[in-house]
Amino acid sequence: MFPTAEHLRILTEGTLQTAGLVPWGSNYTFLMVVSEGEQEHQAIYKPQQGERPLWDFPTGTLCLRERAAYLVSEVLGWQIVPPTILRDGPRGFGSVQTFIEHDPEETYFNFQGQAHFESQLQKIALFDIVTNNADRKGGHVIRDTAEQLWGIDHGLCFHPENKLRTVIWDYAEQPIPPTYLADLERLRGGLATAEPWAEELRQHLNRHELQALEKRLRTLLTQPKFITPGRGRHYPWPLV
């Protein structure tokens, strides 16, 4: 676990230096070193101006969705998304997310079906339903050195239309554990409040996206099961 407040402060205020261009992905993504004094952390920087225009997501909003996904993960108490902030960097405004040390050869398919990871995978699957993740590839689930699973790449989340595309359909039709339902209720109950996280979420998502988020939460709470794939495309491509 990270010392979150201090870690977020360094991500926000530390000096950003480019360590290299991440070669995969359709948007410009950079590996960075964030430093303050003797402290150094690696991070992933996604500048807003490096986002490829998409027909279904407003231009320049992907980095905002990365931050929104982190806020939702933290309010739920699930710590799925690595610490993520928004700030200016060498190539302008964008998201900066803690880099998780992991084996890049491992993907969701290495963890699938392992009892040791079941509760973590259930949370990721449910998180993707809540955030309407349109791009949960197998490579977007990684494992750190402490055996914790993390979800990365949440730029294609929170669309008001149903766009859930994921490789994690293992729990379809299974009941949602009561402890997770309590977390969902807490998130839903806070959306319209003046809580700092809710105020910030309203800055990153538009009215229709927030209404759709609330509707998804309401549906999960009244029909407490993991959803099944609907019609149309419900897997990302490529799968990894």
C-alpha atoms as a PDB file:
ATOM      1  CA  MET A   1       0.000   0.000   0.000  1.00  0.00           C
ATOM      2  CA  PHE A   2       1.075   3.573  -0.633  1.00  0.00           C
ATOM      3  CA  PRO A   3       1.242   6.350   1.985  1.00  0.00           C
ATOM      4  CA  THR A   4      -1.486   7.948  -0.098  1.00  0.00           C
ATOM      5  CA  ALA A   5      -1.531  11.570   1.081  1.00  0.00           C
ATOM      6  CA  GLU A   6       2.244  11.963   0.888  1.00  0.00           C
ATOM      7  CA  HIS A   7       2.474   9.991  -2.324  1.00  0.00           C
ATOM      8  CA  LEU A   8      -0.188  12.115  -4.005  1.00  0.00           C
ATOM      9  CA  ARG A   9       1.550  15.283  -2.813  1.00  0.00           C
ATOM     10  CA  ILE A  10       4.828  14.231  -4.422  1.00  0.00           C
ATOM     11  CA  LEU A  11       3.030  13.262  -7.637  1.00  0.00           C
ATOM     12  CA  THR A  12       1.406  16.700  -7.635  1.00  0.00           C
ATOM     13  CA  GLU A  13       4.332  18.890  -6.565  1.00  0.00           C
ATOM     14  CA  GLY A  14       7.456  16.911  -7.469  1.00  0.00           C
ATOM     15  CA  THR A  15       9.711  17.555 -10.440  1.00  0.00           C
ATOM     16  CA  LEU A  16       8.718  15.586 -13.548  1.00  0.00           C
ATOM     17  CA  GLN A  17      11.438  14.225 -15.817  1.00  0.00           C
ATOM     18  CA  THR A  18      10.786  12.113 -18.891  1.00  0.00           C
ATOM     19  CA  ALA A  19      12.359   8.653 -18.756  1.00  0.00           C
ATOM     20  CA  GLY A  20      10.995   7.404 -22.064  1.00  0.00           C
ATOM     21  CA  LEU A  21       8.043   6.959 -24.390  1.00  0.00           C
ATOM     22  CA  VAL A  22       5.812   3.973 -23.659  1.00  0.00           C
ATOM     23  CA  PRO A  23       5.644   2.294 -27.099  1.00  0.00           C
ATOM     24  CA  TRP A  24       2.259   0.603 -26.825  1.00  0.00           C
ATOM     25  CA  GLY A  25      -1.138   2.280 -26.817  1.00  0.00           C
ATOM     26  CA  SER A  26      -2.913   4.585 -29.219  1.00  0.00           C
ATOM     27  CA  ASN A  27      -2.250   7.793 -27.236  1.00  0.00           C
ATOM     28  CA  TYR A  28       1.039   9.394 -26.254  1.00  0.00           C
ATOM     29  CA  THR A  29       2.143   7.895 -22.950  1.00  0.00           C
ATOM     30  CA  PHE A  30       5.404   8.608 -21.141  1.00  0.00           C
ATOM     31  CA  LEU A  31       7.312   6.936 -18.333  1.00  0.00           C
ATOM     32  CA  MET A  32       8.359   9.648 -15.907  1.00  0.00           C
ATOM     33  CA  VAL A  33      10.469  10.075 -12.813  1.00  0.00           C
ATOM     34  CA  VAL A  34       8.832  12.239 -10.145  1.00  0.00           C
ATOM     35  CA  SER A  35      11.355  13.521  -7.635  1.00  0.00           C
ATOM     36  CA  GLU A  36      11.423  15.639  -4.510  1.00  0.00           C
ATOM     37  CA  GLY A  37      14.684  15.814  -2.626  1.00  0.00           C
ATOM     38  CA  GLU A  38      15.973  12.267  -2.303  1.00  0.00           C
ATOM     39  CA  GLN A  39      12.587  10.721  -3.022  1.00  0.00           C
ATOM     40  CA  GLU A  40      11.913   9.397  -6.501  1.00  0.00           C
ATOM     41  CA  HIS A  41       8.926   7.569  -7.957  1.00  0.00           C
ATOM     42  CA  GLN A  42       8.179   6.289 -11.422  1.00  0.00           C
ATOM     43  CA  ALA A  43       4.915   7.409 -12.976  1.00  0.00           C
ATOM     44  CA  ILE A  44       2.900   7.214 -16.181  1.00  0.00           C
ATOM     45  CA  TYR A  45       2.138  10.574 -17.784  1.00  0.00           C
ATOM     46  CA  LYS A  46      -0.635  10.936 -20.352  1.00  0.00           C
ATOM     47  CA  PRO A  47      -0.749  14.488 -21.737  1.00  0.00           C
ATOM     48  CA  GLN A  48      -4.112  15.800 -22.839  1.00  0.00           C
ATOM     49  CA  GLN A  49      -2.715  17.092 -26.118  1.00  0.00           C
ATOM     50  CA  GLY A  50      -1.418  13.596 -26.952  1.00  0.00           C
ATOM     51  CA  GLU A  51      -4.891  12.024 -26.902  1.00  0.00           C
ATOM     52  CA  ARG A  52      -6.066  10.635 -30.228  1.00  0.00           C
ATOM     53  CA  PRO A  53      -9.490  12.059 -31.170  1.00  0.00           C
ATOM     54  CA  LEU A  54     -12.308   9.503 -30.868  1.00  0.00           C
ATOM     55  CA  TRP A  55     -15.778   9.605 -32.371  1.00  0.00           C
ATOM     56  CA  ASP A  56     -17.557   8.601 -29.165  1.00  0.00           C
ATOM     57  CA  PHE A  57     -15.557  10.291 -26.390  1.00  0.00           C
ATOM     58  CA  PRO A  58     -15.126  14.079 -26.242  1.00  0.00           C
ATOM     59  CA  THR A  59     -11.643  15.203 -27.239  1.00  0.00           C
ATOM     60  CA  GLY A  60      -9.316  15.999 -24.359  1.00  0.00           C
ATOM     61  CA  THR A  61     -11.310  14.154 -21.683  1.00  0.00           C
ATOM     62  CA  LEU A  62      -9.421  10.864 -21.398  1.00  0.00           C
ATOM     63  CA  CYS A  63      -7.008  12.119 -18.745  1.00  0.00           C
ATOM     64  CA  LEU A  64      -9.976  13.485 -16.766  1.00  0.00           C
ATOM     65  CA  ARG A  65     -11.543  10.018 -16.853  1.00  0.00           C
ATOM     66  CA  GLU A  66      -8.310   8.511 -15.531  1.00  0.00           C
ATOM     67  CA  ARG A  67      -8.582  10.771 -12.496  1.00  0.00           C
ATOM     68  CA  ALA A  68     -12.332  10.143 -12.131  1.00  0.00           C
ATOM     69  CA  ALA A  69     -11.718   6.389 -12.112  1.00  0.00           C
ATOM     70  CA  TYR A  70      -9.181   6.830  -9.319  1.00  0.00           C
ATOM     71  CA  LEU A  71     -11.638   8.894  -7.276  1.00  0.00           C
ATOM     72  CA  VAL A  72     -14.349   6.225  -7.627  1.00  0.00           C
ATOM     73  CA  SER A  73     -11.900   3.464  -6.687  1.00  0.00           C
ATOM     74  CA  GLU A  74     -10.871   5.350  -3.559  1.00  0.00           C
ATOM     75  CA  VAL A  75     -14.432   6.183  -2.461  1.00  0.00           C
ATOM     76  CA  LEU A  76     -15.338   2.517  -2.818  1.00  0.00           C
ATOM     77  CA  GLY A  77     -12.283   1.664  -0.727  1.00  0.00           C
ATOM     78  CA  TRP A  78     -11.139  -0.916  -3.270  1.00  0.00           C
ATOM     79  CA  GLN A  79      -7.770   0.577  -4.319  1.00  0.00           C
ATOM     80  CA  ILE A  80      -8.014  -0.789  -7.839  1.00  0.00           C
ATOM     81  CA  VAL A  81      -6.575   2.259  -9.624  1.00  0.00           C
ATOM     82  CA  PRO A  82      -3.022   3.377  -8.778  1.00  0.00           C
ATOM     83  CA  PRO A  83      -2.698   6.889  -7.317  1.00  0.00           C
ATOM     84  CA  THR A  84      -3.592   9.299 -10.130  1.00  0.00           C
ATOM     85  CA  ILE A  85      -3.523  13.089 -10.255  1.00  0.00           C
ATOM     86  CA  LEU A  86      -3.911  15.848 -12.860  1.00  0.00           C
ATOM     87  CA  ARG A  87      -1.183  18.398 -13.405  1.00  0.00           C
ATOM     88  CA  ASP A  88       0.954  20.243 -15.914  1.00  0.00           C
ATOM     89  CA  GLY A  89       3.906  18.311 -17.279  1.00  0.00           C
ATOM     90  CA  PRO A  90       6.604  18.677 -19.946  1.00  0.00           C
ATOM     91  CA  ARG A  91       3.959  18.293 -22.661  1.00  0.00           C
ATOM     92  CA  GLY A  92       1.171  20.161 -20.985  1.00  0.00           C
ATOM     93  CA  PHE A  93      -1.755  19.250 -18.767  1.00  0.00           C
ATOM     94  CA  GLY A  94      -2.477  15.558 -18.272  1.00  0.00           C
ATOM     95  CA  SER A  95      -2.806  12.659 -15.874  1.00  0.00           C
ATOM     96  CA  VAL A  96       0.099  11.355 -13.827  1.00  0.00           C
ATOM     97  CA  GLN A  97      -0.309   7.900 -12.338  1.00  0.00           C
ATOM     98  CA  THR A  98       2.015   5.917 -10.113  1.00  0.00           C
ATOM     99  CA  PHE A  99       3.829   3.251 -12.092  1.00  0.00           C
ATOM    100  CA  ILE A 100       3.285  -0.203 -10.603  1.00  0.00           C
ATOM    101  CA  GLU A 101       6.271  -2.538 -10.780  1.00  0.00           C
ATOM    102  CA  HIS A 102       5.001  -5.701 -12.445  1.00  0.00           C
ATOM    103  CA  ASP A 103       5.811  -8.460 -14.888  1.00  0.00           C
ATOM    104  CA  PRO A 104       4.629  -7.151 -18.288  1.00  0.00           C
ATOM    105  CA  GLU A 105       4.240 -10.723 -19.532  1.00  0.00           C
ATOM    106  CA  GLU A 106       1.474 -11.367 -16.987  1.00  0.00           C
ATOM    107  CA  THR A 107      -2.112 -10.448 -17.802  1.00  0.00           C
ATOM    108  CA  TYR A 108      -5.571 -11.105 -16.437  1.00  0.00           C
ATOM    109  CA  PHE A 109      -5.457 -14.537 -18.069  1.00  0.00           C
ATOM    110  CA  ASN A 110      -2.630 -15.548 -15.708  1.00  0.00           C
ATOM    111  CA  PHE A 111      -4.838 -14.785 -12.695  1.00  0.00           C
ATOM    112  CA  GLN A 112      -8.166 -16.007 -14.061  1.00  0.00           C
ATOM    113  CA  GLY A 113      -9.625 -18.900 -12.067  1.00  0.00           C
ATOM    114  CA  GLN A 114      -7.104 -18.667  -9.227  1.00  0.00           C
ATOM    115  CA  ALA A 115      -8.880 -18.677  -5.863  1.00  0.00           C
ATOM    116  CA  HIS A 116      -6.130 -16.468  -4.414  1.00  0.00           C
ATOM    117  CA  PHE A 117      -7.188 -13.606  -6.685  1.00  0.00           C
ATOM    118  CA  GLU A 118     -10.938 -14.154  -6.848  1.00  0.00           C
ATOM    119  CA  SER A 119     -12.039 -11.364  -4.508  1.00  0.00           C
ATOM    120  CA  GLN A 120      -9.742  -8.865  -6.232  1.00  0.00           C
ATOM    121  CA  LEU A 121     -10.978  -9.892  -9.678  1.00  0.00           C
ATOM    122  CA  GLN A 122     -14.585  -9.633  -8.545  1.00  0.00           C
ATOM    123  CA  LYS A 123     -13.940  -6.052  -7.451  1.00  0.00           C
ATOM    124  CA  ILE A 124     -12.303  -5.193 -10.768  1.00  0.00           C
ATOM    125  CA  ALA A 125     -15.204  -6.762 -12.682  1.00  0.00           C
ATOM    126  CA  LEU A 126     -17.718  -4.807 -10.602  1.00  0.00           C
ATOM    127  CA  PHE A 127     -15.678  -1.621 -10.875  1.00  0.00           C
ATOM    128  CA  ASP A 128     -15.787  -1.936 -14.659  1.00  0.00           C
ATOM    129  CA  ILE A 129     -19.576  -2.254 -14.594  1.00  0.00           C
ATOM    130  CA  VAL A 130     -19.846   0.828 -12.373  1.00  0.00           C
ATOM    131  CA  THR A 131     -17.505   2.931 -14.509  1.00  0.00           C
ATOM    132  CA  ASN A 132     -18.771   1.498 -17.821  1.00  0.00           C
ATOM    133  CA  ASN A 133     -15.239   0.585 -18.870  1.00  0.00           C
ATOM    134  CA  ALA A 134     -15.067   0.256 -22.647  1.00  0.00           C
ATOM    135  CA  ASP A 135     -11.559  -1.190 -22.717  1.00  0.00           C
ATOM    136  CA  ARG A 136     -10.704  -3.755 -20.016  1.00  0.00           C
ATOM    137  CA  LYS A 137      -8.068  -5.712 -21.897  1.00  0.00           C
ATOM    138  CA  GLY A 138      -6.244  -8.586 -20.244  1.00  0.00           C
ATOM    139  CA  GLY A 139      -3.090  -6.492 -20.101  1.00  0.00           C
ATOM    140  CA  HIS A 140      -4.918  -3.834 -18.104  1.00  0.00           C
ATOM    141  CA  VAL A 141      -4.866  -6.068 -15.009  1.00  0.00           C
ATOM    142  CA  ILE A 142      -1.411  -6.247 -13.445  1.00  0.00           C
ATOM    143  CA  ARG A 143       0.101  -7.711 -10.283  1.00  0.00           C
ATOM    144  CA  ASP A 144       2.557  -5.912  -8.035  1.00  0.00           C
ATOM    145  CA  THR A 145       5.287  -7.493  -5.935  1.00  0.00           C
ATOM    146  CA  ALA A 146       2.941  -7.705  -2.926  1.00  0.00           C
ATOM    147  CA  GLU A 147       0.417  -9.845  -4.851  1.00  0.00           C
ATOM    148  CA  GLN A 148      -2.081  -7.021  -5.226  1.00  0.00           C
ATOM    149  CA  LEU A 149      -3.878  -6.698  -8.549  1.00  0.00           C
ATOM    150  CA  TRP A 150      -4.307  -3.266 -10.103  1.00  0.00           C
ATOM    151  CA  GLY A 151      -6.397  -1.981 -12.986  1.00  0.00           C
ATOM    152  CA  ILE A 152      -4.803   0.490 -15.361  1.00  0.00           C
ATOM    153  CA  ASP A 153      -5.834   2.502 -18.453  1.00  0.00           C
ATOM    154  CA  HIS A 154      -9.238   3.973 -17.575  1.00  0.00           C
ATOM    155  CA  GLY A 155      -9.437   6.703 -20.198  1.00  0.00           C
ATOM    156  CA  LEU A 156     -12.414   5.042 -21.887  1.00  0.00           C
ATOM    157  CA  CYS A 157     -14.780   5.002 -18.919  1.00  0.00           C
ATOM    158  CA  PHE A 158     -17.979   6.790 -17.860  1.00  0.00           C
ATOM    159  CA  HIS A 159     -19.651   7.060 -21.249  1.00  0.00           C
ATOM    160  CA  PRO A 160     -23.410   7.691 -20.799  1.00  0.00           C
ATOM    161  CA  GLU A 161     -24.252   4.900 -23.265  1.00  0.00           C
ATOM    162  CA  ASN A 162     -23.598   1.255 -22.476  1.00  0.00           C
ATOM    163  CA  LYS A 163     -20.093   0.523 -23.742  1.00  0.00           C
ATOM    164  CA  LEU A 164     -18.859  -2.138 -21.318  1.00  0.00           C
ATOM    165  CA  ARG A 165     -16.156  -4.156 -23.063  1.00  0.00           C
ATOM    166  CA  THR A 166     -14.134  -6.448 -20.860  1.00  0.00           C
ATOM    167  CA  VAL A 167     -12.413  -9.819 -20.754  1.00  0.00           C
ATOM    168  CA  ILE A 168     -13.767 -10.438 -17.231  1.00  0.00           C
ATOM    169  CA  TRP A 169     -17.143 -12.118 -17.631  1.00  0.00           C
ATOM    170  CA  ASP A 170     -16.443 -14.963 -15.186  1.00  0.00           C
ATOM    171  CA  TYR A 171     -18.918 -13.711 -12.592  1.00  0.00           C
ATOM    172  CA  ALA A 172     -21.901 -13.023 -14.868  1.00  0.00           C
ATOM    173  CA  GLU A 173     -25.220 -13.693 -13.094  1.00  0.00           C
ATOM    174  CA  GLN A 174     -23.468 -14.369  -9.773  1.00  0.00           C
ATOM    175  CA  PRO A 175     -24.776 -12.427  -6.744  1.00  0.00           C
ATOM    176  CA  ILE A 176     -22.779  -9.388  -5.668  1.00  0.00           C
ATOM    177  CA  PRO A 177     -21.334  -9.905  -2.152  1.00  0.00           C
ATOM    178  CA  PRO A 178     -23.143  -7.778   0.474  1.00  0.00           C
ATOM    179  CA  THR A 179     -19.958  -5.955   1.514  1.00  0.00           C
ATOM    180  CA  TYR A 180     -19.527  -4.698  -2.048  1.00  0.00           C
ATOM    181  CA  LEU A 181     -23.147  -3.581  -2.162  1.00  0.00           C
ATOM    182  CA  ALA A 182     -22.538  -1.465   0.936  1.00  0.00           C
ATOM    183  CA  ASP A 183     -19.601   0.165  -0.837  1.00  0.00           C
ATOM    184  CA  LEU A 184     -21.761   0.870  -3.900  1.00  0.00           C
ATOM    185  CA  GLU A 185     -24.454   2.413  -1.703  1.00  0.00           C
ATOM    186  CA  ARG A 186     -21.877   4.688  -0.096  1.00  0.00           C
ATOM    187  CA  LEU A 187     -20.691   5.838  -3.515  1.00  0.00           C
ATOM    188  CA  ARG A 188     -24.212   6.436  -4.766  1.00  0.00           C
ATOM    189  CA  GLY A 189     -25.204   8.299  -1.628  1.00  0.00           C
ATOM    190  CA  GLY A 190     -22.269  10.670  -1.952  1.00  0.00           C
ATOM    191  CA  LEU A 191     -22.622  11.619  -5.608  1.00  0.00           C
ATOM    192  CA  ALA A 192     -24.880  14.632  -5.043  1.00  0.00           C
ATOM    193  CA  THR A 193     -23.184  15.853  -1.862  1.00  0.00           C
ATOM    194  CA  ALA A 194     -20.617  18.586  -1.301  1.00  0.00           C
ATOM    195  CA  GLU A 195     -17.928  16.054  -0.428  1.00  0.00           C
ATOM    196  CA  PRO A 196     -14.624  17.130  -2.031  1.00  0.00           C
ATOM    197  CA  TRP A 197     -14.420  13.962  -4.138  1.00  0.00           C
ATOM    198  CA  ALA A 198     -17.987  14.476  -5.421  1.00  0.00           C
ATOM    199  CA  GLU A 199     -17.314  18.137  -6.224  1.00  0.00           C
ATOM    200  CA  GLU A 200     -14.225  17.116  -8.170  1.00  0.00           C
ATOM    201  CA  LEU A 201     -16.039  14.311  -9.985  1.00  0.00           C
ATOM    202  CA  ARG A 202     -18.547  16.884 -11.236  1.00  0.00           C
ATOM    203  CA  GLN A 203     -15.638  18.829 -12.725  1.00  0.00           C
ATOM    204  CA  HIS A 204     -14.396  15.841 -14.742  1.00  0.00           C
ATOM    205  CA  LEU A 205     -17.675  14.268 -15.934  1.00  0.00           C
ATOM    206  CA  ASN A 206     -20.614  15.973 -17.591  1.00  0.00           C
ATOM    207  CA  ARG A 207     -24.213  15.858 -16.371  1.00  0.00           C
ATOM    208  CA  HIS A 208     -25.221  12.969 -18.624  1.00  0.00           C
ATOM    209  CA  GLU A 209     -22.225  10.882 -17.581  1.00  0.00           C
ATOM    210  CA  LEU A 210     -22.965  11.454 -13.898  1.00  0.00           C
ATOM    211  CA  GLN A 211     -26.627  10.583 -14.366  1.00  0.00           C
ATOM    212  CA  ALA A 212     -25.636   7.365 -16.137  1.00  0.00           C
ATOM    213  CA  LEU A 213     -23.225   6.528 -13.303  1.00  0.00           C
ATOM    214  CA  GLU A 214     -25.989   6.993 -10.743  1.00  0.00           C
ATOM    215  CA  LYS A 215     -28.342   4.848 -12.832  1.00  0.00           C
ATOM    216  CA  ARG A 216     -25.801   2.010 -13.056  1.00  0.00           C
ATOM    217  CA  LEU A 217     -25.337   2.105  -9.299  1.00  0.00           C
ATOM    218  CA  ARG A 218     -29.099   2.098  -8.718  1.00  0.00           C
ATOM    219  CA  THR A 219     -29.523  -0.903 -11.022  1.00  0.00           C
ATOM    220  CA  LEU A 220     -26.771  -2.875  -9.275  1.00  0.00           C
ATOM    221  CA  LEU A 221     -28.299  -2.128  -5.872  1.00  0.00           C
ATOM    222  CA  THR A 222     -31.814  -3.153  -6.905  1.00  0.00           C
ATOM    223  CA  GLN A 223     -30.672  -6.123  -9.018  1.00  0.00           C
ATOM    224  CA  PRO A 224     -27.562  -7.237  -7.104  1.00  0.00           C
ATOM    225  CA  LYS A 225     -25.974  -9.515  -9.669  1.00  0.00           C
ATOM    226  CA  PHE A 226     -22.989  -9.225 -11.967  1.00  0.00           C
ATOM    227  CA  ILE A 227     -24.389  -8.412 -15.381  1.00  0.00           C
ATOM    228  CA  THR A 228     -24.207 -10.654 -18.450  1.00  0.00           C
ATOM    229  CA  PRO A 229     -22.914  -9.604 -21.869  1.00  0.00           C
ATOM    230  CA  GLY A 230     -25.550  -7.782 -23.873  1.00  0.00           C
ATOM    231  CA  ARG A 231     -26.004  -7.591 -27.600  1.00  0.00           C
ATOM    232  CA  GLY A 232     -23.251  -6.251 -29.776  1.00  0.00           C
ATOM    233  CA  ARG A 233     -19.589  -5.979 -29.010  1.00  0.00           C
ATOM    234  CA  HIS A 234     -18.782  -6.783 -25.388  1.00  0.00           C
ATOM    235  CA  TYR A 235     -15.081  -7.801 -25.599  1.00  0.00           C
ATOM    236  CA  PRO A 236     -12.245  -5.338 -26.252  1.00  0.00           C
ATOM    237  CA  TRP A 237      -9.873  -5.778 -29.158  1.00  0.00           C
ATOM    238  CA  PRO A 238      -7.205  -6.871 -28.951  1.00  0.00           C
ATOM    239  CA  LEU A 239      -7.969  -9.009 -25.906  1.00  0.00           C
ATOM    240  CA  VAL A 240      -4.557  -8.279 -24.361  1.00  0.00           C
END
